[in-house]
């Protein structure tokens, strides 16, 4: 099972590549990247039970976001799909953070 931290790092890495490959960088991608950085800090500071449904959903959403972002790196027609997957992952991480707060 993929750990949430690993999935988050992978999604951030793929999004960084996407942002760095575009001049100018897509504003939605930059905004999403900033949110993921912030959520990574919040997750580090919280104690999370990895057996919860929120944890599972956040991890799965991040894996899907990373896959779609990787596709968008090579095919910009998939950028909007990637941004949607990232937005979904951000929402699920937010729900997880709220559940442990």
PDB file of N, CA and C in Angstrom:
ATOM      1  N   UNK A   1       0.848  -1.187   0.000  1.00  0.00           N
ATOM      2  CA  UNK A   1       0.000   0.000   0.000  1.00  0.00           C
ATOM      3  C   UNK A   1       0.889   1.244   0.000  1.00  0.00           C
ATOM      4  N   UNK A   2       0.571   2.160  -0.872  1.00  0.00           N
ATOM      5  CA  UNK A   2       1.328   3.399  -0.945  1.00  0.00           C
ATOM      6  C   UNK A   2       1.041   4.248   0.279  1.00  0.00           C
ATOM      7  N   UNK A   3       2.092   4.800   0.835  1.00  0.00           N
ATOM      8  CA  UNK A   3       1.917   5.713   1.958  1.00  0.00           C
ATOM      9  C   UNK A   3       1.492   7.076   1.438  1.00  0.00           C
ATOM     10  N   UNK A   4       0.726   7.780   2.244  1.00  0.00           N
ATOM     11  CA  UNK A   4       0.249   9.109   1.885  1.00  0.00           C
ATOM     12  C   UNK A   4       1.427  10.037   1.586  1.00  0.00           C
ATOM     13  N   UNK A   5       2.438  10.020   2.413  1.00  0.00           N
ATOM     14  CA  UNK A   5       3.591  10.903   2.214  1.00  0.00           C
ATOM     15  C   UNK A   5       4.265  10.633   0.876  1.00  0.00           C
ATOM     16  N   UNK A   6       4.401   9.366   0.509  1.00  0.00           N
ATOM     17  CA  UNK A   6       5.012   9.015  -0.776  1.00  0.00           C
ATOM     18  C   UNK A   6       4.156   9.493  -1.942  1.00  0.00           C
ATOM     19  N   UNK A   7       2.846   9.302  -1.825  1.00  0.00           N
ATOM     20  CA  UNK A   7       1.939   9.741  -2.886  1.00  0.00           C
ATOM     21  C   UNK A   7       1.951  11.262  -3.012  1.00  0.00           C
ATOM     22  N   UNK A   8       1.999  11.954  -1.886  1.00  0.00           N
ATOM     23  CA  UNK A   8       2.051  13.419  -1.901  1.00  0.00           C
ATOM     24  C   UNK A   8       3.344  13.904  -2.541  1.00  0.00           C
ATOM     25  N   UNK A   9       4.459  13.317  -2.165  1.00  0.00           N
ATOM     26  CA  UNK A   9       5.746  13.693  -2.762  1.00  0.00           C
ATOM     27  C   UNK A   9       5.753  13.443  -4.267  1.00  0.00           C
ATOM     28  N   UNK A  10       5.180  12.321  -4.699  1.00  0.00           N
ATOM     29  CA  UNK A  10       5.138  12.003  -6.127  1.00  0.00           C
ATOM     30  C   UNK A  10       4.278  13.009  -6.884  1.00  0.00           C
ATOM     31  N   UNK A  11       3.119  13.339  -6.317  1.00  0.00           N
ATOM     32  CA  UNK A  11       2.240  14.314  -6.965  1.00  0.00           C
ATOM     33  C   UNK A  11       2.914  15.686  -7.054  1.00  0.00           C
ATOM     34  N   UNK A  12       3.591  16.094  -5.990  1.00  0.00           N
ATOM     35  CA  UNK A  12       4.299  17.374  -6.000  1.00  0.00           C
ATOM     36  C   UNK A  12       5.412  17.355  -7.041  1.00  0.00           C
ATOM     37  N   UNK A  13       6.164  16.279  -7.093  1.00  0.00           N
ATOM     38  CA  UNK A  13       7.260  16.176  -8.061  1.00  0.00           C
ATOM     39  C   UNK A  13       6.753  16.301  -9.495  1.00  0.00           C
ATOM     40  N   UNK A  14       5.672  15.589  -9.810  1.00  0.00           N
ATOM     41  CA  UNK A  14       5.131  15.644 -11.160  1.00  0.00           C
ATOM     42  C   UNK A  14       4.606  17.042 -11.480  1.00  0.00           C
ATOM     43  N   UNK A  15       3.959  17.668 -10.510  1.00  0.00           N
ATOM     44  CA  UNK A  15       3.420  19.007 -10.739  1.00  0.00           C
ATOM     45  C   UNK A  15       4.552  20.024 -10.896  1.00  0.00           C
ATOM     46  N   UNK A  16       5.629  19.863 -10.140  1.00  0.00           N
ATOM     47  CA  UNK A  16       6.792  20.746 -10.309  1.00  0.00           C
ATOM     48  C   UNK A  16       7.362  20.629 -11.722  1.00  0.00           C
ATOM     49  N   UNK A  17       7.458  19.411 -12.228  1.00  0.00           N
ATOM     50  CA  UNK A  17       7.961  19.206 -13.597  1.00  0.00           C
ATOM     51  C   UNK A  17       7.042  19.899 -14.594  1.00  0.00           C
ATOM     52  N   UNK A  18       5.743  19.739 -14.407  1.00  0.00           N
ATOM     53  CA  UNK A  18       4.785  20.371 -15.302  1.00  0.00           C
ATOM     54  C   UNK A  18       4.925  21.890 -15.270  1.00  0.00           C
ATOM     55  N   UNK A  19       4.981  22.457 -14.078  1.00  0.00           N
ATOM     56  CA  UNK A  19       5.101  23.908 -13.931  1.00  0.00           C
ATOM     57  C   UNK A  19       6.405  24.406 -14.556  1.00  0.00           C
ATOM     58  N   UNK A  20       7.490  23.699 -14.292  1.00  0.00           N
ATOM     59  CA  UNK A  20       8.794  24.112 -14.818  1.00  0.00           C
ATOM     60  C   UNK A  20       8.885  23.988 -16.335  1.00  0.00           C
ATOM     61  N   UNK A  21       8.077  23.115 -16.920  1.00  0.00           N
ATOM     62  CA  UNK A  21       8.164  22.887 -18.365  1.00  0.00           C
ATOM     63  C   UNK A  21       7.374  23.908 -19.183  1.00  0.00           C
ATOM     64  N   UNK A  22       6.566  24.706 -18.537  1.00  0.00           N
ATOM     65  CA  UNK A  22       5.711  25.653 -19.244  1.00  0.00           C
ATOM     66  C   UNK A  22       6.124  27.096 -18.960  1.00  0.00           C
ATOM     67  N   UNK A  23       6.224  27.882 -19.995  1.00  0.00           N
ATOM     68  CA  UNK A  23       6.534  29.304 -19.853  1.00  0.00           C
ATOM     69  C   UNK A  23       5.471  30.086 -20.577  1.00  0.00           C
ATOM     70  N   UNK A  24       4.641  30.828 -19.930  1.00  0.00           N
ATOM     71  CA  UNK A  24       4.558  30.965 -18.478  1.00  0.00           C
ATOM     72  C   UNK A  24       3.878  29.742 -17.854  1.00  0.00           C
ATOM     73  N   UNK A  25       4.142  29.543 -16.595  1.00  0.00           N
ATOM     74  CA  UNK A  25       3.553  28.407 -15.886  1.00  0.00           C
ATOM     75  C   UNK A  25       2.044  28.619 -15.747  1.00  0.00           C
ATOM     76  N   UNK A  26       1.263  27.547 -15.921  1.00  0.00           N
ATOM     77  CA  UNK A  26      -0.192  27.664 -15.758  1.00  0.00           C
ATOM     78  C   UNK A  26      -0.547  28.113 -14.335  1.00  0.00           C
ATOM     79  N   UNK A  27      -1.324  29.162 -14.208  1.00  0.00           N
ATOM     80  CA  UNK A  27      -1.643  29.729 -12.887  1.00  0.00           C
ATOM     81  C   UNK A  27      -2.318  28.719 -11.963  1.00  0.00           C
ATOM     82  N   UNK A  28      -3.232  27.918 -12.519  1.00  0.00           N
ATOM     83  CA  UNK A  28      -3.916  26.920 -11.693  1.00  0.00           C
ATOM     84  C   UNK A  28      -2.925  25.875 -11.173  1.00  0.00           C
ATOM     85  N   UNK A  29      -1.957  25.503 -11.980  1.00  0.00           N
ATOM     86  CA  UNK A  29      -0.955  24.527 -11.548  1.00  0.00           C
ATOM     87  C   UNK A  29      -0.084  25.106 -10.454  1.00  0.00           C
ATOM     88  N   UNK A  30       0.319  26.356 -10.588  1.00  0.00           N
ATOM     89  CA  UNK A  30       1.147  27.006  -9.561  1.00  0.00           C
ATOM     90  C   UNK A  30       0.361  27.115  -8.257  1.00  0.00           C
ATOM     91  N   UNK A  31      -0.900  27.510  -8.359  1.00  0.00           N
ATOM     92  CA  UNK A  31      -1.748  27.618  -7.174  1.00  0.00           C
ATOM     93  C   UNK A  31      -1.918  26.256  -6.493  1.00  0.00           C
ATOM     94  N   UNK A  32      -2.133  25.225  -7.284  1.00  0.00           N
ATOM     95  CA  UNK A  32      -2.276  23.870  -6.731  1.00  0.00           C
ATOM     96  C   UNK A  32      -0.991  23.421  -6.058  1.00  0.00           C
ATOM     97  N   UNK A  33       0.130  23.742  -6.651  1.00  0.00           N
ATOM     98  CA  UNK A  33       1.420  23.369  -6.075  1.00  0.00           C
ATOM     99  C   UNK A  33       1.607  24.027  -4.715  1.00  0.00           C
ATOM    100  N   UNK A  34       1.259  25.298  -4.611  1.00  0.00           N
ATOM    101  CA  UNK A  34       1.366  26.008  -3.329  1.00  0.00           C
ATOM    102  C   UNK A  34       0.473  25.366  -2.274  1.00  0.00           C
ATOM    103  N   UNK A  35      -0.742  24.962  -2.668  1.00  0.00           N
ATOM    104  CA  UNK A  35      -1.649  24.306  -1.722  1.00  0.00           C
ATOM    105  C   UNK A  35      -1.076  22.966  -1.262  1.00  0.00           C
ATOM    106  N   UNK A  36      -0.492  22.205  -2.185  1.00  0.00           N
ATOM    107  CA  UNK A  36       0.095  20.919  -1.801  1.00  0.00           C
ATOM    108  C   UNK A  36       1.276  21.108  -0.853  1.00  0.00           C
ATOM    109  N   UNK A  37       2.101  22.129  -1.096  1.00  0.00           N
ATOM    110  CA  UNK A  37       3.209  22.422  -0.171  1.00  0.00           C
ATOM    111  C   UNK A  37       2.666  22.722   1.231  1.00  0.00           C
ATOM    112  N   UNK A  38       1.629  23.535   1.284  1.00  0.00           N
ATOM    113  CA  UNK A  38       1.034  23.897   2.566  1.00  0.00           C
ATOM    114  C   UNK A  38       0.451  22.674   3.267  1.00  0.00           C
ATOM    115  N   UNK A  39      -0.232  21.835   2.494  1.00  0.00           N
ATOM    116  CA  UNK A  39      -0.817  20.640   3.091  1.00  0.00           C
ATOM    117  C   UNK A  39       0.254  19.665   3.562  1.00  0.00           C
ATOM    118  N   UNK A  40       1.376  19.612   2.859  1.00  0.00           N
ATOM    119  CA  UNK A  40       2.460  18.740   3.303  1.00  0.00           C
ATOM    120  C   UNK A  40       2.951  19.191   4.673  1.00  0.00           C
ATOM    121  N   UNK A  41       3.082  20.499   4.865  1.00  0.00           N
ATOM    122  CA  UNK A  41       3.483  21.019   6.183  1.00  0.00           C
ATOM    123  C   UNK A  41       2.450  20.651   7.243  1.00  0.00           C
ATOM    124  N   UNK A  42       1.161  20.832   6.915  1.00  0.00           N
ATOM    125  CA  UNK A  42       0.099  20.501   7.875  1.00  0.00           C
ATOM    126  C   UNK A  42       0.112  19.026   8.240  1.00  0.00           C
ATOM    127  N   UNK A  43       0.342  18.166   7.254  1.00  0.00           N
ATOM    128  CA  UNK A  43       0.376  16.725   7.519  1.00  0.00           C
ATOM    129  C   UNK A  43       1.549  16.342   8.401  1.00  0.00           C
ATOM    130  N   UNK A  44       2.683  16.979   8.187  1.00  0.00           N
ATOM    131  CA  UNK A  44       3.863  16.693   8.997  1.00  0.00           C
ATOM    132  C   UNK A  44       3.593  17.024  10.458  1.00  0.00           C
ATOM    133  N   UNK A  45       2.842  18.088  10.680  1.00  0.00           N
ATOM    134  CA  UNK A  45       2.581  18.544  12.040  1.00  0.00           C
ATOM    135  C   UNK A  45       1.445  17.796  12.734  1.00  0.00           C
ATOM    136  N   UNK A  46       0.711  16.977  12.019  1.00  0.00           N
ATOM    137  CA  UNK A  46      -0.414  16.274  12.623  1.00  0.00           C
ATOM    138  C   UNK A  46      -0.087  14.794  12.813  1.00  0.00           C
ATOM    139  N   UNK A  47      -0.836  14.176  13.703  1.00  0.00           N
ATOM    140  CA  UNK A  47      -0.687  12.725  13.878  1.00  0.00           C
ATOM    141  C   UNK A  47      -1.850  12.063  13.153  1.00  0.00           C
ATOM    142  N   UNK A  48      -1.524  11.255  12.174  1.00  0.00           N
ATOM    143  CA  UNK A  48      -2.540  10.700  11.288  1.00  0.00           C
ATOM    144  C   UNK A  48      -2.596   9.191  11.433  1.00  0.00           C
ATOM    145  N   UNK A  49      -3.804   8.692  11.539  1.00  0.00           N
ATOM    146  CA  UNK A  49      -4.037   7.255  11.579  1.00  0.00           C
ATOM    147  C   UNK A  49      -4.195   6.772  10.142  1.00  0.00           C
ATOM    148  N   UNK A  50      -3.257   5.953   9.695  1.00  0.00           N
ATOM    149  CA  UNK A  50      -3.300   5.520   8.293  1.00  0.00           C
ATOM    150  C   UNK A  50      -4.334   4.430   8.031  1.00  0.00           C
ATOM    151  N   UNK A  51      -5.114   4.073   9.025  1.00  0.00           N
ATOM    152  CA  UNK A  51      -6.147   3.054   8.839  1.00  0.00           C
ATOM    153  C   UNK A  51      -7.522   3.674   8.567  1.00  0.00           C
ATOM    154  N   UNK A  52      -7.587   4.995   8.460  1.00  0.00           N
ATOM    155  CA  UNK A  52      -8.882   5.643   8.255  1.00  0.00           C
ATOM    156  C   UNK A  52      -9.253   5.703   6.775  1.00  0.00           C
ATOM    157  N   UNK A  53     -10.532   5.854   6.526  1.00  0.00           N
ATOM    158  CA  UNK A  53     -11.026   5.995   5.160  1.00  0.00           C
ATOM    159  C   UNK A  53     -10.521   7.298   4.535  1.00  0.00           C
ATOM    160  N   UNK A  54     -10.423   8.360   5.328  1.00  0.00           N
ATOM    161  CA  UNK A  54      -9.922   9.633   4.818  1.00  0.00           C
ATOM    162  C   UNK A  54      -8.481   9.493   4.318  1.00  0.00           C
ATOM    163  N   UNK A  55      -7.679   8.742   5.042  1.00  0.00           N
ATOM    164  CA  UNK A  55      -6.284   8.506   4.648  1.00  0.00           C
ATOM    165  C   UNK A  55      -6.240   7.738   3.327  1.00  0.00           C
ATOM    166  N   UNK A  56      -7.052   6.686   3.225  1.00  0.00           N
ATOM    167  CA  UNK A  56      -7.085   5.876   2.011  1.00  0.00           C
ATOM    168  C   UNK A  56      -7.529   6.711   0.811  1.00  0.00           C
ATOM    169  N   UNK A  57      -8.570   7.509   0.998  1.00  0.00           N
ATOM    170  CA  UNK A  57      -9.074   8.327  -0.101  1.00  0.00           C
ATOM    171  C   UNK A  57      -8.058   9.389  -0.528  1.00  0.00           C
ATOM    172  N   UNK A  58      -7.394  10.011   0.429  1.00  0.00           N
ATOM    173  CA  UNK A  58      -6.391  11.026   0.102  1.00  0.00           C
ATOM    174  C   UNK A  58      -5.219  10.403  -0.652  1.00  0.00           C
ATOM    175  N   UNK A  59      -4.786   9.236  -0.217  1.00  0.00           N
ATOM    176  CA  UNK A  59      -3.673   8.554  -0.878  1.00  0.00           C
ATOM    177  C   UNK A  59      -4.046   8.177  -2.312  1.00  0.00           C
ATOM    178  N   UNK A  60      -5.223   7.616  -2.495  1.00  0.00           N
ATOM    179  CA  UNK A  60      -5.677   7.237  -3.835  1.00  0.00           C
ATOM    180  C   UNK A  60      -5.810   8.464  -4.740  1.00  0.00           C
ATOM    181  N   UNK A  61      -6.373   9.542  -4.213  1.00  0.00           N
ATOM    182  CA  UNK A  61      -6.535  10.766  -5.004  1.00  0.00           C
ATOM    183  C   UNK A  61      -5.180  11.334  -5.426  1.00  0.00           C
ATOM    184  N   UNK A  62      -4.194  11.258  -4.542  1.00  0.00           N
ATOM    185  CA  UNK A  62      -2.858  11.744  -4.889  1.00  0.00           C
ATOM    186  C   UNK A  62      -2.212  10.880  -5.958  1.00  0.00           C
ATOM    187  N   UNK A  63      -2.395   9.578  -5.858  1.00  0.00           N
ATOM    188  CA  UNK A  63      -1.835   8.693  -6.886  1.00  0.00           C
ATOM    189  C   UNK A  63      -2.457   8.999  -8.247  1.00  0.00           C
ATOM    190  N   UNK A  64      -3.769   9.200  -8.282  1.00  0.00           N
ATOM    191  CA  UNK A  64      -4.449   9.524  -9.533  1.00  0.00           C
ATOM    192  C   UNK A  64      -3.983  10.878 -10.068  1.00  0.00           C
ATOM    193  N   UNK A  65      -3.781  11.846  -9.171  1.00  0.00           N
ATOM    194  CA  UNK A  65      -3.307  13.172  -9.583  1.00  0.00           C
ATOM    195  C   UNK A  65      -1.910  13.087 -10.181  1.00  0.00           C
ATOM    196  N   UNK A  66      -1.048  12.288  -9.577  1.00  0.00           N
ATOM    197  CA  UNK A  66       0.320  12.149 -10.088  1.00  0.00           C
ATOM    198  C   UNK A  66       0.320  11.520 -11.475  1.00  0.00           C
ATOM    199  N   UNK A  67      -0.507  10.505 -11.676  1.00  0.00           N
ATOM    200  CA  UNK A  67      -0.586   9.841 -12.985  1.00  0.00           C
ATOM    201  C   UNK A  67      -1.074  10.827 -14.047  1.00  0.00           C
ATOM    202  N   UNK A  68      -2.144  11.548 -13.743  1.00  0.00           N
ATOM    203  CA  UNK A  68      -2.698  12.480 -14.722  1.00  0.00           C
ATOM    204  C   UNK A  68      -1.739  13.643 -14.981  1.00  0.00           C
ATOM    205  N   UNK A  69      -1.030  14.094 -13.960  1.00  0.00           N
ATOM    206  CA  UNK A  69      -0.065  15.178 -14.139  1.00  0.00           C
ATOM    207  C   UNK A  69       1.091  14.717 -15.014  1.00  0.00           C
ATOM    208  N   UNK A  70       1.522  13.479 -14.814  1.00  0.00           N
ATOM    209  CA  UNK A  70       2.589  12.935 -15.662  1.00  0.00           C
ATOM    210  C   UNK A  70       2.145  12.919 -17.128  1.00  0.00           C
ATOM    211  N   UNK A  71       0.903  12.553 -17.367  1.00  0.00           N
ATOM    212  CA  UNK A  71       0.381  12.558 -18.733  1.00  0.00           C
ATOM    213  C   UNK A  71       0.365  13.975 -19.302  1.00  0.00           C
ATOM    214  N   UNK A  72       0.023  14.958 -18.465  1.00  0.00           N
ATOM    215  CA  UNK A  72      -0.056  16.349 -18.923  1.00  0.00           C
ATOM    216  C   UNK A  72       1.318  16.928 -19.233  1.00  0.00           C
ATOM    217  N   UNK A  73       2.359  16.406 -18.601  1.00  0.00           N
ATOM    218  CA  UNK A  73       3.712  16.874 -18.891  1.00  0.00           C
ATOM    219  C   UNK A  73       4.023  16.650 -20.366  1.00  0.00           C
ATOM    220  N   UNK A  74       3.581  15.524 -20.884  1.00  0.00           N
ATOM    221  CA  UNK A  74       3.858  15.169 -22.273  1.00  0.00           C
ATOM    222  C   UNK A  74       2.762  15.567 -23.251  1.00  0.00           C
ATOM    223  N   UNK A  75       1.601  15.930 -22.746  1.00  0.00           N
ATOM    224  CA  UNK A  75       0.466  16.266 -23.607  1.00  0.00           C
ATOM    225  C   UNK A  75      -0.378  17.328 -22.906  1.00  0.00           C
ATOM    226  N   UNK A  76      -0.168  18.578 -23.274  1.00  0.00           N
ATOM    227  CA  UNK A  76      -0.844  19.680 -22.592  1.00  0.00           C
ATOM    228  C   UNK A  76      -2.359  19.662 -22.748  1.00  0.00           C
ATOM    229  N   UNK A  77      -2.884  18.872 -23.661  1.00  0.00           N
ATOM    230  CA  UNK A  77      -4.335  18.778 -23.765  1.00  0.00           C
ATOM    231  C   UNK A  77      -4.917  18.088 -22.523  1.00  0.00           C
ATOM    232  N   UNK A  78      -4.078  17.450 -21.744  1.00  0.00           N
ATOM    233  CA  UNK A  78      -4.523  16.756 -20.532  1.00  0.00           C
ATOM    234  C   UNK A  78      -4.321  17.607 -19.278  1.00  0.00           C
ATOM    235  N   UNK A  79      -3.906  18.852 -19.458  1.00  0.00           N
ATOM    236  CA  UNK A  79      -3.626  19.729 -18.320  1.00  0.00           C
ATOM    237  C   UNK A  79      -4.852  19.965 -17.446  1.00  0.00           C
ATOM    238  N   UNK A  80      -5.981  20.258 -18.067  1.00  0.00           N
ATOM    239  CA  UNK A  80      -7.185  20.536 -17.274  1.00  0.00           C
ATOM    240  C   UNK A  80      -7.599  19.312 -16.457  1.00  0.00           C
ATOM    241  N   UNK A  81      -7.487  18.113 -17.025  1.00  0.00           N
ATOM    242  CA  UNK A  81      -7.780  16.889 -16.272  1.00  0.00           C
ATOM    243  C   UNK A  81      -6.834  16.749 -15.087  1.00  0.00           C
ATOM    244  N   UNK A  82      -5.570  17.070 -15.294  1.00  0.00           N
ATOM    245  CA  UNK A  82      -4.589  16.988 -14.215  1.00  0.00           C
ATOM    246  C   UNK A  82      -4.941  17.966 -13.098  1.00  0.00           C
ATOM    247  N   UNK A  83      -5.303  19.189 -13.461  1.00  0.00           N
ATOM    248  CA  UNK A  83      -5.663  20.192 -12.461  1.00  0.00           C
ATOM    249  C   UNK A  83      -6.888  19.737 -11.669  1.00  0.00           C
ATOM    250  N   UNK A  84      -7.858  19.121 -12.339  1.00  0.00           N
ATOM    251  CA  UNK A  84      -9.040  18.608 -11.638  1.00  0.00           C
ATOM    252  C   UNK A  84      -8.665  17.506 -10.645  1.00  0.00           C
ATOM    253  N   UNK A  85      -7.788  16.593 -11.052  1.00  0.00           N
ATOM    254  CA  UNK A  85      -7.354  15.513 -10.149  1.00  0.00           C
ATOM    255  C   UNK A  85      -6.587  16.080  -8.959  1.00  0.00           C
ATOM    256  N   UNK A  86      -5.765  17.079  -9.222  1.00  0.00           N
ATOM    257  CA  UNK A  86      -5.015  17.716  -8.132  1.00  0.00           C
ATOM    258  C   UNK A  86      -5.975  18.409  -7.174  1.00  0.00           C
ATOM    259  N   UNK A  87      -6.971  19.085  -7.714  1.00  0.00           N
ATOM    260  CA  UNK A  87      -7.973  19.732  -6.863  1.00  0.00           C
ATOM    261  C   UNK A  87      -8.707  18.736  -5.983  1.00  0.00           C
ATOM    262  N   UNK A  88      -9.043  17.595  -6.556  1.00  0.00           N
ATOM    263  CA  UNK A  88      -9.697  16.544  -5.782  1.00  0.00           C
ATOM    264  C   UNK A  88      -8.783  16.037  -4.664  1.00  0.00           C
ATOM    265  N   UNK A  89      -7.516  15.847  -4.992  1.00  0.00           N
ATOM    266  CA  UNK A  89      -6.556  15.392  -3.982  1.00  0.00           C
ATOM    267  C   UNK A  89      -6.407  16.422  -2.874  1.00  0.00           C
ATOM    268  N   UNK A  90      -6.342  17.688  -3.235  1.00  0.00           N
ATOM    269  CA  UNK A  90      -6.229  18.759  -2.238  1.00  0.00           C
ATOM    270  C   UNK A  90      -7.426  18.729  -1.294  1.00  0.00           C
ATOM    271  N   UNK A  91      -8.615  18.543  -1.844  1.00  0.00           N
ATOM    272  CA  UNK A  91      -9.822  18.483  -1.020  1.00  0.00           C
ATOM    273  C   UNK A  91      -9.782  17.291  -0.069  1.00  0.00           C
ATOM    274  N   UNK A  92      -9.320  16.152  -0.559  1.00  0.00           N
ATOM    275  CA  UNK A  92      -9.275  14.952   0.285  1.00  0.00           C
ATOM    276  C   UNK A  92      -8.209  15.069   1.378  1.00  0.00           C
ATOM    277  N   UNK A  93      -7.094  15.699   1.062  1.00  0.00           N
ATOM    278  CA  UNK A  93      -6.073  15.935   2.089  1.00  0.00           C
ATOM    279  C   UNK A  93      -6.630  16.905   3.137  1.00  0.00           C
ATOM    280  N   UNK A  94      -7.337  17.916   2.673  1.00  0.00           N
ATOM    281  CA  UNK A  94      -7.959  18.854   3.603  1.00  0.00           C
ATOM    282  C   UNK A  94      -8.920  18.159   4.540  1.00  0.00           C
ATOM    283  N   UNK A  95      -9.730  17.235   4.019  1.00  0.00           N
ATOM    284  CA  UNK A  95     -10.665  16.481   4.853  1.00  0.00           C
ATOM    285  C   UNK A  95      -9.908  15.619   5.869  1.00  0.00           C
ATOM    286  N   UNK A  96      -8.806  15.041   5.446  1.00  0.00           N
ATOM    287  CA  UNK A  96      -7.993  14.231   6.354  1.00  0.00           C
ATOM    288  C   UNK A  96      -7.420  15.096   7.466  1.00  0.00           C
ATOM    289  N   UNK A  97      -6.893  16.250   7.118  1.00  0.00           N
ATOM    290  CA  UNK A  97      -6.323  17.158   8.123  1.00  0.00           C
ATOM    291  C   UNK A  97      -7.398  17.587   9.108  1.00  0.00           C
ATOM    292  N   UNK A  98      -8.586  17.909   8.606  1.00  0.00           N
ATOM    293  CA  UNK A  98      -9.688  18.289   9.512  1.00  0.00           C
ATOM    294  C   UNK A  98     -10.086  17.132  10.427  1.00  0.00           C
ATOM    295  N   UNK A  99     -10.021  15.921   9.907  1.00  0.00           N
ATOM    296  CA  UNK A  99     -10.428  14.760  10.711  1.00  0.00           C
ATOM    297  C   UNK A  99      -9.482  14.514  11.882  1.00  0.00           C
ATOM    298  N   UNK A 100      -8.233  14.925  11.750  1.00  0.00           N
ATOM    299  CA  UNK A 100      -7.270  14.700  12.846  1.00  0.00           C
ATOM    300  C   UNK A 100      -7.056  15.938  13.693  1.00  0.00           C
ATOM    301  N   UNK A 101      -7.622  17.054  13.278  1.00  0.00           N
ATOM    302  CA  UNK A 101      -7.439  18.313  14.033  1.00  0.00           C
ATOM    303  C   UNK A 101      -8.255  18.331  15.290  1.00  0.00           C
TER     304      UNK A 101
END
